[in-house]
PDB file of N, CA and C in Angstrom:
ATOM      1  N   MET A   1     -11.203  28.082  -3.862  1.00  0.00           N
ATOM      2  CA  MET A   1     -12.082  29.136  -4.302  1.00  0.00           C
ATOM      3  C   MET A   1     -11.238  30.295  -4.833  1.00  0.00           C
ATOM      4  N   PRO A   2     -11.500  30.788  -6.014  1.00  0.00           N
ATOM      5  CA  PRO A   2     -10.719  31.901  -6.552  1.00  0.00           C
ATOM      6  C   PRO A   2     -10.820  33.133  -5.664  1.00  0.00           C
ATOM      7  N   ILE A   3      -9.752  33.875  -5.594  1.00  0.00           N
ATOM      8  CA  ILE A   3      -9.701  35.094  -4.803  1.00  0.00           C
ATOM      9  C   ILE A   3     -10.267  36.229  -5.651  1.00  0.00           C
ATOM     10  N   PRO A   4     -11.216  37.017  -5.122  1.00  0.00           N
ATOM     11  CA  PRO A   4     -11.938  37.963  -5.953  1.00  0.00           C
ATOM     12  C   PRO A   4     -11.138  39.148  -6.464  1.00  0.00           C
ATOM     13  N   SER A   5     -10.159  39.620  -5.745  1.00  0.00           N
ATOM     14  CA  SER A   5      -9.391  40.750  -6.247  1.00  0.00           C
ATOM     15  C   SER A   5      -7.920  40.538  -5.957  1.00  0.00           C
ATOM     16  N   TYR A   6      -7.104  41.310  -6.644  1.00  0.00           N
ATOM     17  CA  TYR A   6      -5.672  41.096  -6.631  1.00  0.00           C
ATOM     18  C   TYR A   6      -5.044  41.195  -5.259  1.00  0.00           C
ATOM     19  N   SER A   7      -5.499  42.085  -4.396  1.00  0.00           N
ATOM     20  CA  SER A   7      -4.831  42.249  -3.108  1.00  0.00           C
ATOM     21  C   SER A   7      -5.774  42.274  -1.913  1.00  0.00           C
ATOM     22  N   SER A   8      -7.063  42.127  -2.105  1.00  0.00           N
ATOM     23  CA  SER A   8      -7.984  42.253  -0.984  1.00  0.00           C
ATOM     24  C   SER A   8      -7.812  41.150   0.059  1.00  0.00           C
ATOM     25  N   TRP A   9      -7.244  40.028  -0.301  1.00  0.00           N
ATOM     26  CA  TRP A   9      -7.091  38.913   0.629  1.00  0.00           C
ATOM     27  C   TRP A   9      -5.802  38.961   1.425  1.00  0.00           C
ATOM     28  N   LEU A  10      -4.849  39.823   1.038  1.00  0.00           N
ATOM     29  CA  LEU A  10      -3.546  39.839   1.699  1.00  0.00           C
ATOM     30  C   LEU A  10      -3.645  40.352   3.124  1.00  0.00           C
ATOM     31  N   PRO A  11      -2.948  39.690   4.058  1.00  0.00           N
ATOM     32  CA  PRO A  11      -2.857  40.259   5.406  1.00  0.00           C
ATOM     33  C   PRO A  11      -2.189  41.627   5.327  1.00  0.00           C
ATOM     34  N   VAL A  12      -2.445  42.468   6.296  1.00  0.00           N
ATOM     35  CA  VAL A  12      -1.933  43.836   6.262  1.00  0.00           C
ATOM     36  C   VAL A  12      -0.409  43.890   6.270  1.00  0.00           C
ATOM     37  N   ALA A  13       0.240  43.066   7.087  1.00  0.00           N
ATOM     38  CA  ALA A  13       1.682  43.190   7.291  1.00  0.00           C
ATOM     39  C   ALA A  13       2.490  42.237   6.409  1.00  0.00           C
ATOM     40  N   VAL A  14       2.358  42.366   5.100  1.00  0.00           N
ATOM     41  CA  VAL A  14       3.173  41.571   4.198  1.00  0.00           C
ATOM     42  C   VAL A  14       3.834  42.482   3.188  1.00  0.00           C
ATOM     43  N   GLU A  15       4.946  42.009   2.656  1.00  0.00           N
ATOM     44  CA  GLU A  15       5.691  42.764   1.656  1.00  0.00           C
ATOM     45  C   GLU A  15       6.058  41.817   0.518  1.00  0.00           C
ATOM     46  N   ALA A  16       5.723  42.198  -0.702  1.00  0.00           N
ATOM     47  CA  ALA A  16       6.105  41.398  -1.860  1.00  0.00           C
ATOM     48  C   ALA A  16       7.612  41.529  -2.059  1.00  0.00           C
ATOM     49  N   LEU A  17       8.297  40.384  -2.100  1.00  0.00           N
ATOM     50  CA  LEU A  17       9.753  40.400  -2.164  1.00  0.00           C
ATOM     51  C   LEU A  17      10.334  39.712  -3.386  1.00  0.00           C
ATOM     52  N   ASP A  18       9.549  38.912  -4.080  1.00  0.00           N
ATOM     53  CA  ASP A  18      10.084  38.228  -5.256  1.00  0.00           C
ATOM     54  C   ASP A  18       8.935  37.788  -6.146  1.00  0.00           C
ATOM     55  N   PHE A  19       9.281  37.382  -7.348  1.00  0.00           N
ATOM     56  CA  PHE A  19       8.298  36.986  -8.352  1.00  0.00           C
ATOM     57  C   PHE A  19       8.938  35.976  -9.282  1.00  0.00           C
ATOM     58  N   GLU A  20       8.142  35.056  -9.775  1.00  0.00           N
ATOM     59  CA  GLU A  20       8.592  34.183 -10.856  1.00  0.00           C
ATOM     60  C   GLU A  20       7.399  33.738 -11.680  1.00  0.00           C
ATOM     61  N   GLN A  21       7.690  33.352 -12.902  1.00  0.00           N
ATOM     62  CA  GLN A  21       6.691  32.768 -13.783  1.00  0.00           C
ATOM     63  C   GLN A  21       7.129  31.336 -14.039  1.00  0.00           C
ATOM     64  N   VAL A  22       6.196  30.392 -13.825  1.00  0.00           N
ATOM     65  CA  VAL A  22       6.512  28.970 -13.925  1.00  0.00           C
ATOM     66  C   VAL A  22       5.602  28.339 -14.983  1.00  0.00           C
ATOM     67  N   THR A  23       6.211  27.563 -15.871  1.00  0.00           N
ATOM     68  CA  THR A  23       5.436  26.788 -16.828  1.00  0.00           C
ATOM     69  C   THR A  23       5.066  25.465 -16.183  1.00  0.00           C
ATOM     70  N   VAL A  24       3.779  25.167 -16.179  1.00  0.00           N
ATOM     71  CA  VAL A  24       3.264  23.944 -15.569  1.00  0.00           C
ATOM     72  C   VAL A  24       2.918  22.981 -16.699  1.00  0.00           C
ATOM     73  N   ASP A  25       3.734  21.942 -16.824  1.00  0.00           N
ATOM     74  CA  ASP A  25       3.524  20.956 -17.880  1.00  0.00           C
ATOM     75  C   ASP A  25       2.992  19.665 -17.268  1.00  0.00           C
ATOM     76  N   ASN A  26       3.212  18.555 -17.938  1.00  0.00           N
ATOM     77  CA  ASN A  26       2.712  17.280 -17.425  1.00  0.00           C
ATOM     78  C   ASN A  26       3.830  16.419 -16.837  1.00  0.00           C
ATOM     79  N   THR A  27       4.852  17.068 -16.266  1.00  0.00           N
ATOM     80  CA  THR A  27       5.945  16.358 -15.607  1.00  0.00           C
ATOM     81  C   THR A  27       5.397  15.412 -14.545  1.00  0.00           C
ATOM     82  N   SER A  28       5.806  14.159 -14.587  1.00  0.00           N
ATOM     83  CA  SER A  28       5.376  13.185 -13.593  1.00  0.00           C
ATOM     84  C   SER A  28       5.794  13.660 -12.204  1.00  0.00           C
ATOM     85  N   GLY A  29       4.876  13.665 -11.259  1.00  0.00           N
ATOM     86  CA  GLY A  29       5.153  14.148  -9.912  1.00  0.00           C
ATOM     87  C   GLY A  29       4.850  15.614  -9.734  1.00  0.00           C
ATOM     88  N   GLY A  30       4.645  16.325 -10.838  1.00  0.00           N
ATOM     89  CA  GLY A  30       4.307  17.745 -10.781  1.00  0.00           C
ATOM     90  C   GLY A  30       5.517  18.654 -10.764  1.00  0.00           C
ATOM     91  N   VAL A  31       5.271  19.899 -11.042  1.00  0.00           N
ATOM     92  CA  VAL A  31       6.288  20.947 -11.050  1.00  0.00           C
ATOM     93  C   VAL A  31       6.189  21.693  -9.734  1.00  0.00           C
ATOM     94  N   GLY A  32       7.327  21.952  -9.090  1.00  0.00           N
ATOM     95  CA  GLY A  32       7.340  22.687  -7.833  1.00  0.00           C
ATOM     96  C   GLY A  32       7.738  24.129  -8.020  1.00  0.00           C
ATOM     97  N   LEU A  33       7.679  24.881  -6.928  1.00  0.00           N
ATOM     98  CA  LEU A  33       8.172  26.254  -6.916  1.00  0.00           C
ATOM     99  C   LEU A  33       9.692  26.231  -6.790  1.00  0.00           C
ATOM    100  N   THR A  34      10.336  27.316  -7.151  1.00  0.00           N
ATOM    101  CA  THR A  34      11.797  27.406  -7.112  1.00  0.00           C
ATOM    102  C   THR A  34      12.277  27.618  -5.679  1.00  0.00           C
ATOM    103  N   SER A  35      13.102  26.705  -5.182  1.00  0.00           N
ATOM    104  CA  SER A  35      13.521  26.759  -3.776  1.00  0.00           C
ATOM    105  C   SER A  35      14.283  28.033  -3.428  1.00  0.00           C
ATOM    106  N   SER A  36      15.052  28.573  -4.344  1.00  0.00           N
ATOM    107  CA  SER A  36      15.795  29.806  -4.049  1.00  0.00           C
ATOM    108  C   SER A  36      14.867  31.013  -3.936  1.00  0.00           C
ATOM    109  N   LYS A  37      13.640  30.872  -4.378  1.00  0.00           N
ATOM    110  CA  LYS A  37      12.649  31.947  -4.248  1.00  0.00           C
ATOM    111  C   LYS A  37      11.980  31.902  -2.874  1.00  0.00           C
ATOM    112  N   TYR A  38      11.545  30.711  -2.423  1.00  0.00           N
ATOM    113  CA  TYR A  38      10.847  30.648  -1.132  1.00  0.00           C
ATOM    114  C   TYR A  38      11.799  30.469   0.046  1.00  0.00           C
ATOM    115  N   ALA A  39      13.038  30.072  -0.194  1.00  0.00           N
ATOM    116  CA  ALA A  39      14.028  29.917   0.884  1.00  0.00           C
ATOM    117  C   ALA A  39      15.355  30.505   0.432  1.00  0.00           C
ATOM    118  N   PRO A  40      15.418  31.841   0.251  1.00  0.00           N
ATOM    119  CA  PRO A  40      16.648  32.458  -0.248  1.00  0.00           C
ATOM    120  C   PRO A  40      17.811  32.312   0.737  1.00  0.00           C
ATOM    121  N   THR A  41      18.987  32.074   0.215  1.00  0.00           N
ATOM    122  CA  THR A  41      20.189  31.935   1.029  1.00  0.00           C
ATOM    123  C   THR A  41      20.442  33.217   1.812  1.00  0.00           C
ATOM    124  N   GLY A  42      20.708  33.081   3.104  1.00  0.00           N
ATOM    125  CA  GLY A  42      21.051  34.225   3.939  1.00  0.00           C
ATOM    126  C   GLY A  42      19.876  35.095   4.337  1.00  0.00           C
ATOM    127  N   SER A  43      18.672  34.611   4.138  1.00  0.00           N
ATOM    128  CA  SER A  43      17.488  35.399   4.457  1.00  0.00           C
ATOM    129  C   SER A  43      16.404  34.483   5.024  1.00  0.00           C
ATOM    130  N   SER A  44      15.464  35.062   5.725  1.00  0.00           N
ATOM    131  CA  SER A  44      14.331  34.284   6.237  1.00  0.00           C
ATOM    132  C   SER A  44      13.494  33.770   5.076  1.00  0.00           C
ATOM    133  N   PRO A  45      12.910  32.584   5.215  1.00  0.00           N
ATOM    134  CA  PRO A  45      12.095  32.048   4.120  1.00  0.00           C
ATOM    135  C   PRO A  45      10.799  32.837   3.938  1.00  0.00           C
ATOM    136  N   MET A  46      10.280  32.763   2.734  1.00  0.00           N
ATOM    137  CA  MET A  46       8.966  33.337   2.448  1.00  0.00           C
ATOM    138  C   MET A  46       7.919  32.449   3.116  1.00  0.00           C
ATOM    139  N   ASN A  47       6.774  33.029   3.442  1.00  0.00           N
ATOM    140  CA  ASN A  47       5.744  32.220   4.082  1.00  0.00           C
ATOM    141  C   ASN A  47       4.365  32.387   3.449  1.00  0.00           C
ATOM    142  N   LEU A  48       4.321  33.023   2.287  1.00  0.00           N
ATOM    143  CA  LEU A  48       3.055  33.241   1.608  1.00  0.00           C
ATOM    144  C   LEU A  48       3.318  33.515   0.137  1.00  0.00           C
ATOM    145  N   VAL A  49       2.547  32.889  -0.734  1.00  0.00           N
ATOM    146  CA  VAL A  49       2.608  33.223  -2.159  1.00  0.00           C
ATOM    147  C   VAL A  49       1.204  33.458  -2.670  1.00  0.00           C
ATOM    148  N   ARG A  50       1.120  34.327  -3.651  1.00  0.00           N
ATOM    149  CA  ARG A  50      -0.110  34.499  -4.431  1.00  0.00           C
ATOM    150  C   ARG A  50       0.180  33.915  -5.799  1.00  0.00           C
ATOM    151  N   VAL A  51      -0.676  33.034  -6.267  1.00  0.00           N
ATOM    152  CA  VAL A  51      -0.504  32.388  -7.560  1.00  0.00           C
ATOM    153  C   VAL A  51      -1.643  32.834  -8.472  1.00  0.00           C
ATOM    154  N   SER A  52      -1.302  33.355  -9.649  1.00  0.00           N
ATOM    155  CA  SER A  52      -2.279  33.691 -10.684  1.00  0.00           C
ATOM    156  C   SER A  52      -2.074  32.716 -11.828  1.00  0.00           C
ATOM    157  N   VAL A  53      -3.151  32.100 -12.285  1.00  0.00           N
ATOM    158  CA  VAL A  53      -3.074  31.097 -13.347  1.00  0.00           C
ATOM    159  C   VAL A  53      -3.348  31.759 -14.698  1.00  0.00           C
ATOM    160  N   ASP A  54      -2.432  31.580 -15.629  1.00  0.00           N
ATOM    161  CA  ASP A  54      -2.597  32.043 -17.003  1.00  0.00           C
ATOM    162  C   ASP A  54      -2.733  30.842 -17.928  1.00  0.00           C
ATOM    163  N   THR A  55      -3.359  31.007 -19.021  1.00  0.00           N
ATOM    164  CA  THR A  55      -3.372  30.150 -20.215  1.00  0.00           C
ATOM    165  C   THR A  55      -4.095  28.822 -20.137  1.00  0.00           C
ATOM    166  N   ALA A  56      -4.102  28.084 -19.037  1.00  0.00           N
ATOM    167  CA  ALA A  56      -4.715  26.750 -19.039  1.00  0.00           C
ATOM    168  C   ALA A  56      -4.999  26.287 -17.613  1.00  0.00           C
ATOM    169  N   SER A  57      -5.838  25.283 -17.486  1.00  0.00           N
ATOM    170  CA  SER A  57      -6.196  24.726 -16.182  1.00  0.00           C
ATOM    171  C   SER A  57      -5.071  23.862 -15.624  1.00  0.00           C
ATOM    172  N   LEU A  58      -5.056  23.765 -14.293  1.00  0.00           N
ATOM    173  CA  LEU A  58      -4.049  22.944 -13.623  1.00  0.00           C
ATOM    174  C   LEU A  58      -4.625  22.343 -12.363  1.00  0.00           C
ATOM    175  N   LYS A  59      -3.895  21.383 -11.809  1.00  0.00           N
ATOM    176  CA  LYS A  59      -4.186  20.798 -10.497  1.00  0.00           C
ATOM    177  C   LYS A  59      -3.013  21.136  -9.589  1.00  0.00           C
ATOM    178  N   VAL A  60      -3.295  21.300  -8.297  1.00  0.00           N
ATOM    179  CA  VAL A  60      -2.240  21.587  -7.327  1.00  0.00           C
ATOM    180  C   VAL A  60      -2.477  20.777  -6.063  1.00  0.00           C
ATOM    181  N   THR A  61      -1.375  20.323  -5.466  1.00  0.00           N
ATOM    182  CA  THR A  61      -1.389  19.724  -4.129  1.00  0.00           C
ATOM    183  C   THR A  61      -0.382  20.486  -3.289  1.00  0.00           C
ATOM    184  N   GLU A  62      -0.602  20.530  -1.984  1.00  0.00           N
ATOM    185  CA  GLU A  62       0.288  21.277  -1.086  1.00  0.00           C
ATOM    186  C   GLU A  62       0.939  20.403  -0.030  1.00  0.00           C
ATOM    187  N   ASP A  63       0.698  19.094  -0.075  1.00  0.00           N
ATOM    188  CA  ASP A  63       1.211  18.214   0.980  1.00  0.00           C
ATOM    189  C   ASP A  63       2.285  17.255   0.489  1.00  0.00           C
ATOM    190  N   GLY A  64       2.779  17.464  -0.730  1.00  0.00           N
ATOM    191  CA  GLY A  64       3.798  16.586  -1.287  1.00  0.00           C
ATOM    192  C   GLY A  64       3.234  15.462  -2.129  1.00  0.00           C
ATOM    193  N   THR A  65       1.917  15.284  -2.120  1.00  0.00           N
ATOM    194  CA  THR A  65       1.287  14.286  -2.976  1.00  0.00           C
ATOM    195  C   THR A  65       1.481  14.685  -4.429  1.00  0.00           C
ATOM    196  N   ALA A  66       1.832  13.733  -5.268  1.00  0.00           N
ATOM    197  CA  ALA A  66       2.008  14.024  -6.701  1.00  0.00           C
ATOM    198  C   ALA A  66       0.645  14.256  -7.342  1.00  0.00           C
ATOM    199  N   PRO A  67       0.401  15.434  -7.909  1.00  0.00           N
ATOM    200  CA  PRO A  67      -0.869  15.673  -8.576  1.00  0.00           C
ATOM    201  C   PRO A  67      -0.925  14.937  -9.909  1.00  0.00           C
ATOM    202  N   THR A  68      -2.125  14.695 -10.365  1.00  0.00           N
ATOM    203  CA  THR A  68      -2.347  14.143 -11.702  1.00  0.00           C
ATOM    204  C   THR A  68      -3.437  14.985 -12.354  1.00  0.00           C
ATOM    205  N   ALA A  69      -3.759  14.666 -13.577  1.00  0.00           N
ATOM    206  CA  ALA A  69      -4.819  15.400 -14.259  1.00  0.00           C
ATOM    207  C   ALA A  69      -6.171  15.228 -13.570  1.00  0.00           C
ATOM    208  N   SER A  70      -6.279  14.239 -12.681  1.00  0.00           N
ATOM    209  CA  SER A  70      -7.542  14.013 -11.968  1.00  0.00           C
ATOM    210  C   SER A  70      -7.403  14.074 -10.447  1.00  0.00           C
ATOM    211  N   LEU A  71      -6.227  14.404  -9.916  1.00  0.00           N
ATOM    212  CA  LEU A  71      -6.006  14.454  -8.469  1.00  0.00           C
ATOM    213  C   LEU A  71      -5.401  15.800  -8.086  1.00  0.00           C
ATOM    214  N   GLY A  72      -6.038  16.483  -7.168  1.00  0.00           N
ATOM    215  CA  GLY A  72      -5.571  17.780  -6.703  1.00  0.00           C
ATOM    216  C   GLY A  72      -6.681  18.812  -6.830  1.00  0.00           C
ATOM    217  N   ASP A  73      -6.411  19.998  -6.324  1.00  0.00           N
ATOM    218  CA  ASP A  73      -7.367  21.098  -6.445  1.00  0.00           C
ATOM    219  C   ASP A  73      -7.237  21.706  -7.834  1.00  0.00           C
ATOM    220  N   THR A  74      -8.371  21.972  -8.483  1.00  0.00           N
ATOM    221  CA  THR A  74      -8.386  22.492  -9.845  1.00  0.00           C
ATOM    222  C   THR A  74      -8.474  24.008  -9.853  1.00  0.00           C
ATOM    223  N   PHE A  75      -7.639  24.624 -10.671  1.00  0.00           N
ATOM    224  CA  PHE A  75      -7.704  26.057 -10.911  1.00  0.00           C
ATOM    225  C   PHE A  75      -7.634  26.287 -12.411  1.00  0.00           C
ATOM    226  N   ASP A  76      -8.417  27.252 -12.871  1.00  0.00           N
ATOM    227  CA  ASP A  76      -8.508  27.557 -14.293  1.00  0.00           C
ATOM    228  C   ASP A  76      -7.804  28.872 -14.603  1.00  0.00           C
ATOM    229  N   ALA A  77      -7.547  29.109 -15.885  1.00  0.00           N
ATOM    230  CA  ALA A  77      -6.947  30.372 -16.320  1.00  0.00           C
ATOM    231  C   ALA A  77      -7.781  31.524 -15.763  1.00  0.00           C
ATOM    232  N   GLY A  78      -7.106  32.491 -15.163  1.00  0.00           N
ATOM    233  CA  GLY A  78      -7.771  33.637 -14.551  1.00  0.00           C
ATOM    234  C   GLY A  78      -7.969  33.509 -13.059  1.00  0.00           C
ATOM    235  N   ASP A  79      -7.852  32.292 -12.512  1.00  0.00           N
ATOM    236  CA  ASP A  79      -8.002  32.095 -11.072  1.00  0.00           C
ATOM    237  C   ASP A  79      -6.753  32.558 -10.327  1.00  0.00           C
ATOM    238  N   GLN A  80      -6.950  32.930  -9.067  1.00  0.00           N
ATOM    239  CA  GLN A  80      -5.854  33.258  -8.156  1.00  0.00           C
ATOM    240  C   GLN A  80      -6.081  32.493  -6.864  1.00  0.00           C
ATOM    241  N   PHE A  81      -4.979  32.111  -6.220  1.00  0.00           N
ATOM    242  CA  PHE A  81      -5.070  31.458  -4.924  1.00  0.00           C
ATOM    243  C   PHE A  81      -3.791  31.716  -4.164  1.00  0.00           C
ATOM    244  N   GLN A  82      -3.818  31.409  -2.874  1.00  0.00           N
ATOM    245  CA  GLN A  82      -2.625  31.592  -2.044  1.00  0.00           C
ATOM    246  C   GLN A  82      -2.200  30.276  -1.440  1.00  0.00           C
ATOM    247  N   ILE A  83      -0.918  30.195  -1.145  1.00  0.00           N
ATOM    248  CA  ILE A  83      -0.354  29.081  -0.394  1.00  0.00           C
ATOM    249  C   ILE A  83       0.414  29.710   0.758  1.00  0.00           C
ATOM    250  N   THR A  84       0.186  29.220   1.976  1.00  0.00           N
ATOM    251  CA  THR A  84       0.853  29.787   3.134  1.00  0.00           C
ATOM    252  C   THR A  84       1.710  28.744   3.836  1.00  0.00           C
ATOM    253  N   GLY A  85       2.786  29.216   4.441  1.00  0.00           N
ATOM    254  CA  GLY A  85       3.698  28.368   5.196  1.00  0.00           C
ATOM    255  C   GLY A  85       4.817  27.824   4.327  1.00  0.00           C
ATOM    256  N   VAL A  86       6.036  27.938   4.809  1.00  0.00           N
ATOM    257  CA  VAL A  86       7.192  27.509   4.012  1.00  0.00           C
ATOM    258  C   VAL A  86       7.145  26.022   3.692  1.00  0.00           C
ATOM    259  N   ASN A  87       6.624  25.196   4.602  1.00  0.00           N
ATOM    260  CA  ASN A  87       6.536  23.763   4.300  1.00  0.00           C
ATOM    261  C   ASN A  87       5.561  23.493   3.168  1.00  0.00           C
ATOM    262  N   SER A  88       4.458  24.206   3.141  1.00  0.00           N
ATOM    263  CA  SER A  88       3.508  24.057   2.036  1.00  0.00           C
ATOM    264  C   SER A  88       4.114  24.555   0.729  1.00  0.00           C
ATOM    265  N   LEU A  89       4.899  25.640   0.789  1.00  0.00           N
ATOM    266  CA  LEU A  89       5.570  26.141  -0.418  1.00  0.00           C
ATOM    267  C   LEU A  89       6.550  25.099  -0.942  1.00  0.00           C
ATOM    268  N   ARG A  90       7.264  24.470  -0.040  1.00  0.00           N
ATOM    269  CA  ARG A  90       8.248  23.450  -0.417  1.00  0.00           C
ATOM    270  C   ARG A  90       7.571  22.222  -1.038  1.00  0.00           C
ATOM    271  N   LYS A  91       6.414  21.850  -0.513  1.00  0.00           N
ATOM    272  CA  LYS A  91       5.731  20.626  -0.947  1.00  0.00           C
ATOM    273  C   LYS A  91       4.767  20.832  -2.116  1.00  0.00           C
ATOM    274  N   ALA A  92       4.418  22.077  -2.439  1.00  0.00           N
ATOM    275  CA  ALA A  92       3.431  22.350  -3.486  1.00  0.00           C
ATOM    276  C   ALA A  92       3.887  21.789  -4.831  1.00  0.00           C
ATOM    277  N   ARG A  93       2.969  21.147  -5.519  1.00  0.00           N
ATOM    278  CA  ARG A  93       3.236  20.578  -6.845  1.00  0.00           C
ATOM    279  C   ARG A  93       2.074  20.912  -7.762  1.00  0.00           C
ATOM    280  N   PHE A  94       2.394  21.190  -9.018  1.00  0.00           N
ATOM    281  CA  PHE A  94       1.419  21.610 -10.011  1.00  0.00           C
ATOM    282  C   PHE A  94       1.543  20.726 -11.246  1.00  0.00           C
ATOM    283  N   ILE A  95       0.399  20.453 -11.893  1.00  0.00           N
ATOM    284  CA  ILE A  95       0.406  19.717 -13.160  1.00  0.00           C
ATOM    285  C   ILE A  95      -0.752  20.242 -14.010  1.00  0.00           C
ATOM    286  N   ARG A  96      -0.540  20.301 -15.312  1.00  0.00           N
ATOM    287  CA  ARG A  96      -1.621  20.741 -16.194  1.00  0.00           C
ATOM    288  C   ARG A  96      -2.687  19.652 -16.276  1.00  0.00           C
ATOM    289  N   THR A  97      -3.893  20.045 -16.652  1.00  0.00           N
ATOM    290  CA  THR A  97      -4.977  19.071 -16.735  1.00  0.00           C
ATOM    291  C   THR A  97      -5.295  18.657 -18.167  1.00  0.00           C
ATOM    292  N   GLY A  98      -4.822  19.399 -19.135  1.00  0.00           N
ATOM    293  CA  GLY A  98      -5.121  19.093 -20.534  1.00  0.00           C
ATOM    294  C   GLY A  98      -3.854  19.018 -21.361  1.00  0.00           C
ATOM    295  N   GLY A  99      -4.001  19.244 -22.642  1.00  0.00           N
ATOM    296  CA  GLY A  99      -2.882  19.134 -23.560  1.00  0.00           C
ATOM    297  C   GLY A  99      -2.034  20.384 -23.689  1.00  0.00           C
ATOM    298  N   VAL A 100      -2.429  21.470 -23.035  1.00  0.00           N
ATOM    299  CA  VAL A 100      -1.701  22.742 -23.120  1.00  0.00           C
ATOM    300  C   VAL A 100      -1.110  23.064 -21.749  1.00  0.00           C
ATOM    301  N   SER A 101       0.167  23.409 -21.715  1.00  0.00           N
ATOM    302  CA  SER A 101       0.805  23.782 -20.447  1.00  0.00           C
ATOM    303  C   SER A 101       0.216  25.076 -19.905  1.00  0.00           C
ATOM    304  N   ALA A 102       0.105  25.144 -18.611  1.00  0.00           N
ATOM    305  CA  ALA A 102      -0.342  26.357 -17.933  1.00  0.00           C
ATOM    306  C   ALA A 102       0.880  27.189 -17.562  1.00  0.00           C
ATOM    307  N   VAL A 103       0.667  28.459 -17.369  1.00  0.00           N
ATOM    308  CA  VAL A 103       1.697  29.349 -16.843  1.00  0.00           C
ATOM    309  C   VAL A 103       1.138  29.957 -15.565  1.00  0.00           C
ATOM    310  N   ILE A 104       1.936  29.933 -14.489  1.00  0.00           N
ATOM    311  CA  ILE A 104       1.523  30.576 -13.251  1.00  0.00           C
ATOM    312  C   ILE A 104       2.464  31.721 -12.938  1.00  0.00           C
ATOM    313  N   ASN A 105       1.898  32.806 -12.447  1.00  0.00           N
ATOM    314  CA  ASN A 105       2.653  33.954 -11.963  1.00  0.00           C
ATOM    315  C   ASN A 105       2.625  33.875 -10.446  1.00  0.00           C
ATOM    316  N   VAL A 106       3.805  33.828  -9.836  1.00  0.00           N
ATOM    317  CA  VAL A 106       3.918  33.604  -8.396  1.00  0.00           C
ATOM    318  C   VAL A 106       4.600  34.803  -7.755  1.00  0.00           C
ATOM    319  N   THR A 107       3.910  35.441  -6.813  1.00  0.00           N
ATOM    320  CA  THR A 107       4.487  36.537  -6.049  1.00  0.00           C
ATOM    321  C   THR A 107       4.745  36.030  -4.644  1.00  0.00           C
ATOM    322  N   TYR A 108       5.965  36.240  -4.167  1.00  0.00           N
ATOM    323  CA  TYR A 108       6.409  35.746  -2.860  1.00  0.00           C
ATOM    324  C   TYR A 108       6.362  36.863  -1.822  1.00  0.00           C
ATOM    325  N   TYR A 109       5.855  36.519  -0.637  1.00  0.00           N
ATOM    326  CA  TYR A 109       5.706  37.466   0.457  1.00  0.00           C
ATOM    327  C   TYR A 109       6.316  36.909   1.739  1.00  0.00           C
ATOM    328  N   ARG A 110       6.704  37.825   2.604  1.00  0.00           N
ATOM    329  CA  ARG A 110       7.163  37.464   3.947  1.00  0.00           C
ATOM    330  C   ARG A 110       6.444  38.362   4.939  1.00  0.00           C
ATOM    331  N   GLN A 111       5.915  37.779   6.004  1.00  0.00           N
ATOM    332  CA  GLN A 111       5.262  38.574   7.051  1.00  0.00           C
ATOM    333  C   GLN A 111       6.278  39.015   8.066  1.00  0.00           C
TER     334      GLN A 111
END
């Protein structure tokens, strides 16, 4: 379910610590998040991300299952969602659903 506003869903005790923009194409097995972002060297791992979808629809899985154009949770351009837990961040995979690559904006948080 899309999140209605940019920050209303965030727990009180979180701090945004990093950001990246990821192009989601049709790579077999899906595109993952950048490991150095959610598990930075010499620091505690991130445990929450907010994802904003730009430009095109995509599918996402959080358990390591390879998404396809017909398998996974669907999010459209303009949708926002969160992923919690470092294991879910590590296993998350994204794939576009149509002929145009999606772009996601990912903000990383640590509680």
